[in-house]
PDB file of all heavy atoms in Angstrom:
ATOM      1  N   GLN A   1     193.507 249.734  43.382  1.00  0.00           N
ATOM      2  CA  GLN A   1     194.110 250.845  42.736  1.00  0.00           C
ATOM      3  C   GLN A   1     193.297 251.305  41.581  1.00  0.00           C
ATOM      4  O   GLN A   1     193.365 252.469  41.182  1.00  0.00           O
ATOM      5  CB  GLN A   1     195.512 250.374  42.160  1.00  0.00           C
ATOM      6  CG  GLN A   1     196.485 249.949  43.291  1.00  0.00           C
ATOM      7  CD  GLN A   1     197.149 251.202  43.902  1.00  0.00           C
ATOM      8  OE1 GLN A   1     196.751 252.357  43.765  1.00  0.00           O
ATOM      9  NE2 GLN A   1     198.276 250.961  44.577  1.00  0.00           N
ATOM     10  N   ARG A   2     192.470 250.443  40.989  1.00  0.00           N
ATOM     11  CA  ARG A   2     191.712 250.854  39.879  1.00  0.00           C
ATOM     12  C   ARG A   2     190.266 251.085  40.118  1.00  0.00           C
ATOM     13  O   ARG A   2     189.526 251.961  39.538  1.00  0.00           O
ATOM     14  CB  ARG A   2     191.802 249.728  38.758  1.00  0.00           C
ATOM     15  CG  ARG A   2     190.998 250.013  37.539  1.00  0.00           C
ATOM     16  CD  ARG A   2     191.226 248.987  36.468  1.00  0.00           C
ATOM     17  NE  ARG A   2     190.489 249.193  35.254  1.00  0.00           N
ATOM     18  CZ  ARG A   2     190.871 249.959  34.269  1.00  0.00           C
ATOM     19  NH1 ARG A   2     191.966 250.593  34.234  1.00  0.00           N
ATOM     20  NH2 ARG A   2     190.092 250.090  33.190  1.00  0.00           N
ATOM     21  N   PHE A   3     189.696 250.324  41.144  1.00  0.00           N
ATOM     22  CA  PHE A   3     188.273 250.404  41.565  1.00  0.00           C
ATOM     23  C   PHE A   3     188.204 250.855  42.931  1.00  0.00           C
ATOM     24  O   PHE A   3     189.228 250.688  43.749  1.00  0.00           O
ATOM     25  CB  PHE A   3     187.520 249.145  41.235  1.00  0.00           C
ATOM     26  CG  PHE A   3     187.669 248.553  39.830  1.00  0.00           C
ATOM     27  CD1 PHE A   3     188.541 247.648  39.569  1.00  0.00           C
ATOM     28  CD2 PHE A   3     186.934 249.121  38.759  1.00  0.00           C
ATOM     29  CE1 PHE A   3     188.753 247.088  38.348  1.00  0.00           C
ATOM     30  CE2 PHE A   3     187.057 248.643  37.553  1.00  0.00           C
ATOM     31  CZ  PHE A   3     187.948 247.698  37.271  1.00  0.00           C
ATOM     32  N   SER A   4     187.033 251.131  43.430  1.00  0.00           N
ATOM     33  CA  SER A   4     186.820 251.596  44.818  1.00  0.00           C
ATOM     34  C   SER A   4     186.985 250.297  45.750  1.00  0.00           C
ATOM     35  O   SER A   4     186.587 249.250  45.354  1.00  0.00           O
ATOM     36  CB  SER A   4     185.568 252.197  45.088  1.00  0.00           C
ATOM     37  OG  SER A   4     184.433 251.244  44.963  1.00  0.00           O
ATOM     38  N   ILE A   5     187.557 250.577  46.938  1.00  0.00           N
ATOM     39  CA  ILE A   5     187.604 249.423  47.913  1.00  0.00           C
ATOM     40  C   ILE A   5     186.342 248.707  48.243  1.00  0.00           C
ATOM     41  O   ILE A   5     186.251 247.455  48.164  1.00  0.00           O
ATOM     42  CB  ILE A   5     188.384 249.881  49.180  1.00  0.00           C
ATOM     43  CG1 ILE A   5     189.816 250.288  48.859  1.00  0.00           C
ATOM     44  CG2 ILE A   5     188.352 248.809  50.251  1.00  0.00           C
ATOM     45  CD1 ILE A   5     190.588 250.884  50.038  1.00  0.00           C
ATOM     46  N   PRO A   6     185.237 249.433  48.501  1.00  0.00           N
ATOM     47  CA  PRO A   6     183.970 248.836  48.747  1.00  0.00           C
ATOM     48  C   PRO A   6     183.582 247.812  47.626  1.00  0.00           C
ATOM     49  O   PRO A   6     183.037 246.722  47.854  1.00  0.00           O
ATOM     50  CB  PRO A   6     182.983 249.937  48.901  1.00  0.00           C
ATOM     51  CG  PRO A   6     183.802 251.011  49.456  1.00  0.00           C
ATOM     52  CD  PRO A   6     185.116 250.949  48.760  1.00  0.00           C
ATOM     53  N   LEU A   7     183.655 248.364  46.343  1.00  0.00           N
ATOM     54  CA  LEU A   7     183.293 247.530  45.174  1.00  0.00           C
ATOM     55  C   LEU A   7     184.250 246.280  45.110  1.00  0.00           C
ATOM     56  O   LEU A   7     183.785 245.209  44.844  1.00  0.00           O
ATOM     57  CB  LEU A   7     183.572 248.385  43.863  1.00  0.00           C
ATOM     58  CG  LEU A   7     183.195 247.622  42.652  1.00  0.00           C
ATOM     59  CD1 LEU A   7     181.790 247.048  42.603  1.00  0.00           C
ATOM     60  CD2 LEU A   7     183.498 248.502  41.431  1.00  0.00           C
ATOM     61  N   VAL A   8     185.513 246.403  45.301  1.00  0.00           N
ATOM     62  CA  VAL A   8     186.421 245.398  45.311  1.00  0.00           C
ATOM     63  C   VAL A   8     186.092 244.229  46.263  1.00  0.00           C
ATOM     64  O   VAL A   8     185.994 243.111  46.057  1.00  0.00           O
ATOM     65  CB  VAL A   8     187.909 245.728  45.407  1.00  0.00           C
ATOM     66  CG1 VAL A   8     188.861 244.570  45.667  1.00  0.00           C
ATOM     67  CG2 VAL A   8     188.343 246.564  44.255  1.00  0.00           C
ATOM     68  N   VAL A   9     185.939 244.698  47.567  1.00  0.00           N
ATOM     69  CA  VAL A   9     185.704 243.799  48.697  1.00  0.00           C
ATOM     70  C   VAL A   9     184.312 243.055  48.505  1.00  0.00           C
ATOM     71  O   VAL A   9     184.185 241.891  48.683  1.00  0.00           O
ATOM     72  CB  VAL A   9     185.804 244.500  50.007  1.00  0.00           C
ATOM     73  CG1 VAL A   9     185.329 243.525  51.100  1.00  0.00           C
ATOM     74  CG2 VAL A   9     187.222 244.965  50.279  1.00  0.00           C
ATOM     75  N   GLY A  10     183.337 243.826  48.146  1.00  0.00           N
ATOM     76  CA  GLY A  10     181.932 243.311  47.931  1.00  0.00           C
ATOM     77  C   GLY A  10     181.898 242.320  46.740  1.00  0.00           C
ATOM     78  O   GLY A  10     181.341 241.184  46.903  1.00  0.00           O
ATOM     79  N   ALA A  11     182.533 242.697  45.662  1.00  0.00           N
ATOM     80  CA  ALA A  11     182.451 241.811  44.482  1.00  0.00           C
ATOM     81  C   ALA A  11     183.377 240.527  44.736  1.00  0.00           C
ATOM     82  O   ALA A  11     182.957 239.385  44.378  1.00  0.00           O
ATOM     83  CB  ALA A  11     182.995 242.559  43.203  1.00  0.00           C
ATOM     84  N   TRP A  12     184.573 240.655  45.405  1.00  0.00           N
ATOM     85  CA  TRP A  12     185.370 239.646  45.710  1.00  0.00           C
ATOM     86  C   TRP A  12     184.569 238.671  46.677  1.00  0.00           C
ATOM     87  O   TRP A  12     184.686 237.417  46.439  1.00  0.00           O
ATOM     88  CB  TRP A  12     186.588 240.097  46.384  1.00  0.00           C
ATOM     89  CG  TRP A  12     187.693 239.186  46.724  1.00  0.00           C
ATOM     90  CD1 TRP A  12     187.881 238.558  47.934  1.00  0.00           C
ATOM     91  CD2 TRP A  12     188.703 238.719  45.925  1.00  0.00           C
ATOM     92  NE1 TRP A  12     188.911 237.745  47.901  1.00  0.00           N
ATOM     93  CE2 TRP A  12     189.503 237.788  46.640  1.00  0.00           C
ATOM     94  CE3 TRP A  12     189.098 238.920  44.563  1.00  0.00           C
ATOM     95  CZ2 TRP A  12     190.590 237.143  46.163  1.00  0.00           C
ATOM     96  CZ3 TRP A  12     190.181 238.255  44.139  1.00  0.00           C
ATOM     97  CH2 TRP A  12     190.993 237.396  44.856  1.00  0.00           C
ATOM     98  N   SER A  13     183.871 239.092  47.569  1.00  0.00           N
ATOM     99  CA  SER A  13     183.186 238.293  48.495  1.00  0.00           C
ATOM    100  C   SER A  13     182.023 237.620  47.897  1.00  0.00           C
ATOM    101  O   SER A  13     181.694 236.450  48.149  1.00  0.00           O
ATOM    102  CB  SER A  13     182.673 239.190  49.719  1.00  0.00           C
ATOM    103  OG  SER A  13     183.752 239.820  50.308  1.00  0.00           O
ATOM    104  N   ALA A  14     181.263 238.374  46.888  1.00  0.00           N
ATOM    105  CA  ALA A  14     180.186 237.700  46.244  1.00  0.00           C
ATOM    106  C   ALA A  14     180.680 236.537  45.440  1.00  0.00           C
ATOM    107  O   ALA A  14     179.978 235.506  45.290  1.00  0.00           O
ATOM    108  CB  ALA A  14     179.508 238.687  45.262  1.00  0.00           C
ATOM    109  N   ALA A  15     181.906 236.647  44.789  1.00  0.00           N
ATOM    110  CA  ALA A  15     182.476 235.559  44.022  1.00  0.00           C
ATOM    111  C   ALA A  15     182.819 234.400  45.104  1.00  0.00           C
ATOM    112  O   ALA A  15     182.635 233.269  44.730  1.00  0.00           O
ATOM    113  CB  ALA A  15     183.753 235.969  43.387  1.00  0.00           C
ATOM    114  N   GLY A  16     183.108 234.867  46.311  1.00  0.00           N
ATOM    115  CA  GLY A  16     183.428 233.838  47.294  1.00  0.00           C
ATOM    116  C   GLY A  16     182.169 233.057  47.705  1.00  0.00           C
ATOM    117  O   GLY A  16     182.356 231.821  47.927  1.00  0.00           O
ATOM    118  N   VAL A  17     181.065 233.636  47.782  1.00  0.00           N
ATOM    119  CA  VAL A  17     179.715 232.960  48.055  1.00  0.00           C
ATOM    120  C   VAL A  17     179.568 231.832  46.955  1.00  0.00           C
ATOM    121  O   VAL A  17     179.163 230.683  47.348  1.00  0.00           O
ATOM    122  CB  VAL A  17     178.618 233.865  48.021  1.00  0.00           C
ATOM    123  CG1 VAL A  17     177.279 233.201  48.235  1.00  0.00           C
ATOM    124  CG2 VAL A  17     178.759 234.955  49.166  1.00  0.00           C
ATOM    125  N   VAL A  18     179.806 232.123  45.802  1.00  0.00           N
ATOM    126  CA  VAL A  18     179.630 231.165  44.651  1.00  0.00           C
ATOM    127  C   VAL A  18     180.591 229.984  44.885  1.00  0.00           C
ATOM    128  O   VAL A  18     180.308 228.880  44.711  1.00  0.00           O
ATOM    129  CB  VAL A  18     179.764 231.852  43.270  1.00  0.00           C
ATOM    130  CG1 VAL A  18     179.726 230.816  42.194  1.00  0.00           C
ATOM    131  CG2 VAL A  18     178.736 232.938  43.112  1.00  0.00           C
ATOM    132  N   LEU A  19     181.838 230.328  45.074  1.00  0.00           N
ATOM    133  CA  LEU A  19     182.880 229.282  45.255  1.00  0.00           C
ATOM    134  C   LEU A  19     182.655 228.432  46.454  1.00  0.00           C
ATOM    135  O   LEU A  19     182.786 227.196  46.377  1.00  0.00           O
ATOM    136  CB  LEU A  19     184.325 230.024  45.388  1.00  0.00           C
ATOM    137  CG  LEU A  19     185.465 229.033  45.718  1.00  0.00           C
ATOM    138  CD1 LEU A  19     185.632 228.069  44.485  1.00  0.00           C
ATOM    139  CD2 LEU A  19     186.720 229.855  45.880  1.00  0.00           C
ATOM    140  N   MET A  20     182.293 229.085  47.628  1.00  0.00           N
ATOM    141  CA  MET A  20     182.002 228.333  48.845  1.00  0.00           C
ATOM    142  C   MET A  20     180.746 227.397  48.763  1.00  0.00           C
ATOM    143  O   MET A  20     180.661 226.341  49.297  1.00  0.00           O
ATOM    144  CB  MET A  20     181.986 229.176  49.995  1.00  0.00           C
ATOM    145  CG  MET A  20     183.233 229.941  50.289  1.00  0.00           C
ATOM    146  SD  MET A  20     184.627 228.802  50.613  1.00  0.00           S
ATOM    147  CE  MET A  20     184.602 228.667  52.322  1.00  0.00           C
ATOM    148  N   THR A  21     179.775 227.916  47.971  1.00  0.00           N
ATOM    149  CA  THR A  21     178.535 227.196  47.763  1.00  0.00           C
ATOM    150  C   THR A  21     178.906 225.842  46.965  1.00  0.00           C
ATOM    151  O   THR A  21     178.419 224.740  47.291  1.00  0.00           O
ATOM    152  CB  THR A  21     177.431 228.049  47.075  1.00  0.00           C
ATOM    153  OG1 THR A  21     177.119 229.064  47.862  1.00  0.00           O
ATOM    154  CG2 THR A  21     176.197 227.111  46.811  1.00  0.00           C
ATOM    155  N   ALA A  22     179.686 226.089  46.020  1.00  0.00           N
ATOM    156  CA  ALA A  22     180.159 224.903  45.120  1.00  0.00           C
ATOM    157  C   ALA A  22     180.881 223.861  45.946  1.00  0.00           C
ATOM    158  O   ALA A  22     180.686 222.645  45.915  1.00  0.00           O
ATOM    159  CB  ALA A  22     180.949 225.406  43.977  1.00  0.00           C
ATOM    160  N   ALA A  23     181.834 224.409  46.858  1.00  0.00           N
ATOM    161  CA  ALA A  23     182.540 223.590  47.707  1.00  0.00           C
ATOM    162  C   ALA A  23     181.698 222.772  48.648  1.00  0.00           C
ATOM    163  O   ALA A  23     181.808 221.613  48.923  1.00  0.00           O
ATOM    164  CB  ALA A  23     183.594 224.333  48.447  1.00  0.00           C
ATOM    165  N   ALA A  24     180.648 223.472  49.256  1.00  0.00           N
ATOM    166  CA  ALA A  24     179.800 222.911  50.215  1.00  0.00           C
ATOM    167  C   ALA A  24     178.875 221.830  49.624  1.00  0.00           C
ATOM    168  O   ALA A  24     178.649 220.710  50.138  1.00  0.00           O
ATOM    169  CB  ALA A  24     178.930 223.954  50.921  1.00  0.00           C
ATOM    170  N   LEU A  25     178.422 222.079  48.384  1.00  0.00           N
ATOM    171  CA  LEU A  25     177.466 221.186  47.747  1.00  0.00           C
ATOM    172  C   LEU A  25     178.246 219.854  47.292  1.00  0.00           C
ATOM    173  O   LEU A  25     177.716 218.863  47.144  1.00  0.00           O
ATOM    174  CB  LEU A  25     176.873 221.808  46.486  1.00  0.00           C
ATOM    175  CG  LEU A  25     175.874 222.876  46.752  1.00  0.00           C
ATOM    176  CD1 LEU A  25     175.386 223.595  45.496  1.00  0.00           C
ATOM    177  CD2 LEU A  25     174.626 222.333  47.599  1.00  0.00           C
ATOM    178  N   SER A  26     179.496 219.953  47.046  1.00  0.00           N
ATOM    179  CA  SER A  26     180.334 218.782  46.628  1.00  0.00           C
ATOM    180  C   SER A  26     181.082 218.143  47.827  1.00  0.00           C
ATOM    181  O   SER A  26     181.939 217.291  47.640  1.00  0.00           O
ATOM    182  CB  SER A  26     181.336 219.218  45.504  1.00  0.00           C
ATOM    183  OG  SER A  26     182.193 220.227  46.039  1.00  0.00           O
ATOM    184  N   TRP A  27     180.615 218.452  48.984  1.00  0.00           N
ATOM    185  CA  TRP A  27     181.255 217.790  50.190  1.00  0.00           C
ATOM    186  C   TRP A  27     180.971 216.403  50.198  1.00  0.00           C
ATOM    187  O   TRP A  27     179.880 215.940  49.881  1.00  0.00           O
ATOM    188  CB  TRP A  27     180.660 218.576  51.481  1.00  0.00           C
ATOM    189  CG  TRP A  27     181.247 218.020  52.747  1.00  0.00           C
ATOM    190  CD1 TRP A  27     180.658 217.205  53.606  1.00  0.00           C
ATOM    191  CD2 TRP A  27     182.516 218.385  53.307  1.00  0.00           C
ATOM    192  NE1 TRP A  27     181.531 216.961  54.697  1.00  0.00           N
ATOM    193  CE2 TRP A  27     182.688 217.662  54.426  1.00  0.00           C
ATOM    194  CE3 TRP A  27     183.554 219.221  52.854  1.00  0.00           C
ATOM    195  CZ2 TRP A  27     183.821 217.804  55.313  1.00  0.00           C
ATOM    196  CZ3 TRP A  27     184.798 219.264  53.589  1.00  0.00           C
ATOM    197  CH2 TRP A  27     184.819 218.602  54.842  1.00  0.00           C
ATOM    198  N   PRO A  28     181.977 215.577  50.636  1.00  0.00           N
ATOM    199  CA  PRO A  28     181.802 214.079  50.692  1.00  0.00           C
ATOM    200  C   PRO A  28     180.580 213.670  51.653  1.00  0.00           C
ATOM    201  O   PRO A  28     180.273 214.318  52.599  1.00  0.00           O
ATOM    202  CB  PRO A  28     183.126 213.515  51.262  1.00  0.00           C
ATOM    203  CG  PRO A  28     184.074 214.662  50.911  1.00  0.00           C
ATOM    204  CD  PRO A  28     183.330 215.903  51.032  1.00  0.00           C
ATOM    205  N   SER A  29     179.971 212.503  51.324  1.00  0.00           N
ATOM    206  CA  SER A  29     178.937 212.042  52.210  1.00  0.00           C
ATOM    207  C   SER A  29     179.452 211.602  53.627  1.00  0.00           C
ATOM    208  O   SER A  29     180.558 211.434  53.770  1.00  0.00           O
ATOM    209  CB  SER A  29     178.179 210.875  51.532  1.00  0.00           C
ATOM    210  OG  SER A  29     179.143 209.765  51.600  1.00  0.00           O
ATOM    211  N   ARG A  30     178.503 211.488  54.505  1.00  0.00           N
ATOM    212  CA  ARG A  30     178.881 211.023  55.890  1.00  0.00           C
ATOM    213  C   ARG A  30     179.553 209.702  55.815  1.00  0.00           C
ATOM    214  O   ARG A  30     180.463 209.412  56.550  1.00  0.00           O
ATOM    215  CB  ARG A  30     177.519 211.004  56.750  1.00  0.00           C
ATOM    216  CG  ARG A  30     177.797 210.461  58.056  1.00  0.00           C
ATOM    217  CD  ARG A  30     178.763 211.307  58.963  1.00  0.00           C
ATOM    218  NE  ARG A  30     178.999 210.726  60.306  1.00  0.00           N
ATOM    219  CZ  ARG A  30     178.179 210.947  61.324  1.00  0.00           C
ATOM    220  NH1 ARG A  30     177.294 211.846  61.275  1.00  0.00           N
ATOM    221  NH2 ARG A  30     178.462 210.491  62.554  1.00  0.00           N
ATOM    222  N   GLU A  31     179.013 208.841  54.943  1.00  0.00           N
ATOM    223  CA  GLU A  31     179.673 207.453  54.819  1.00  0.00           C
ATOM    224  C   GLU A  31     181.026 207.568  54.327  1.00  0.00           C
ATOM    225  O   GLU A  31     181.963 206.825  54.885  1.00  0.00           O
ATOM    226  CB  GLU A  31     178.888 206.616  53.801  1.00  0.00           C
ATOM    227  CG  GLU A  31     177.523 206.216  54.283  1.00  0.00           C
ATOM    228  CD  GLU A  31     176.465 207.227  54.131  1.00  0.00           C
ATOM    229  OE1 GLU A  31     176.803 208.333  53.612  1.00  0.00           O
ATOM    230  OE2 GLU A  31     175.268 207.095  54.598  1.00  0.00           O
ATOM    231  N   THR A  32     181.374 208.450  53.484  1.00  0.00           N
ATOM    232  CA  THR A  32     182.739 208.587  52.916  1.00  0.00           C
ATOM    233  C   THR A  32     183.680 209.210  54.028  1.00  0.00           C
ATOM    234  O   THR A  32     184.759 208.703  54.280  1.00  0.00           O
ATOM    235  CB  THR A  32     182.719 209.622  51.792  1.00  0.00           C
ATOM    236  OG1 THR A  32     181.943 209.106  50.735  1.00  0.00           O
ATOM    237  CG2 THR A  32     184.178 209.788  51.217  1.00  0.00           C
ATOM    238  N   VAL A  33     183.203 210.098  54.840  1.00  0.00           N
ATOM    239  CA  VAL A  33     183.968 210.681  55.971  1.00  0.00           C
ATOM    240  C   VAL A  33     184.171 209.657  56.974  1.00  0.00           C
ATOM    241  O   VAL A  33     185.400 209.457  57.446  1.00  0.00           O
ATOM    242  CB  VAL A  33     183.208 211.912  56.509  1.00  0.00           C
ATOM    243  CG1 VAL A  33     183.958 212.395  57.788  1.00  0.00           C
ATOM    244  CG2 VAL A  33     183.097 212.994  55.487  1.00  0.00           C
ATOM    245  N   ASP A  34     183.180 208.887  57.416  1.00  0.00           N
ATOM    246  CA  ASP A  34     183.368 207.813  58.382  1.00  0.00           C
ATOM    247  C   ASP A  34     184.334 206.857  57.958  1.00  0.00           C
ATOM    248  O   ASP A  34     185.192 206.292  58.758  1.00  0.00           O
ATOM    249  CB  ASP A  34     182.015 207.155  58.729  1.00  0.00           C
ATOM    250  CG  ASP A  34     181.128 208.170  59.537  1.00  0.00           C
ATOM    251  OD1 ASP A  34     181.664 209.106  60.026  1.00  0.00           O
ATOM    252  OD2 ASP A  34     179.854 207.824  59.586  1.00  0.00           O
ATOM    253  N   ALA A  35     184.258 206.469  56.664  1.00  0.00           N
ATOM    254  CA  ALA A  35     185.111 205.347  56.164  1.00  0.00           C
ATOM    255  C   ALA A  35     186.582 205.890  56.160  1.00  0.00           C
ATOM    256  O   ALA A  35     187.471 205.122  56.380  1.00  0.00           O
ATOM    257  CB  ALA A  35     184.693 204.961  54.833  1.00  0.00           C
ATOM    258  N   ALA A  36     186.795 207.134  55.874  1.00  0.00           N
ATOM    259  CA  ALA A  36     188.131 207.703  55.841  1.00  0.00           C
ATOM    260  C   ALA A  36     188.763 207.715  57.280  1.00  0.00           C
ATOM    261  O   ALA A  36     189.930 207.356  57.422  1.00  0.00           O
ATOM    262  CB  ALA A  36     188.146 209.202  55.411  1.00  0.00           C
TER     263      ALA A  36
END
């Protein structure tokens, strides 16, 4: 409503790249997954 839709979607998705990268980097090790 305040900013253009392309700006909102693009910036929202760029923030998503940062969030998903952090989640991927902190993923449990294979040993942890196997043990679970």
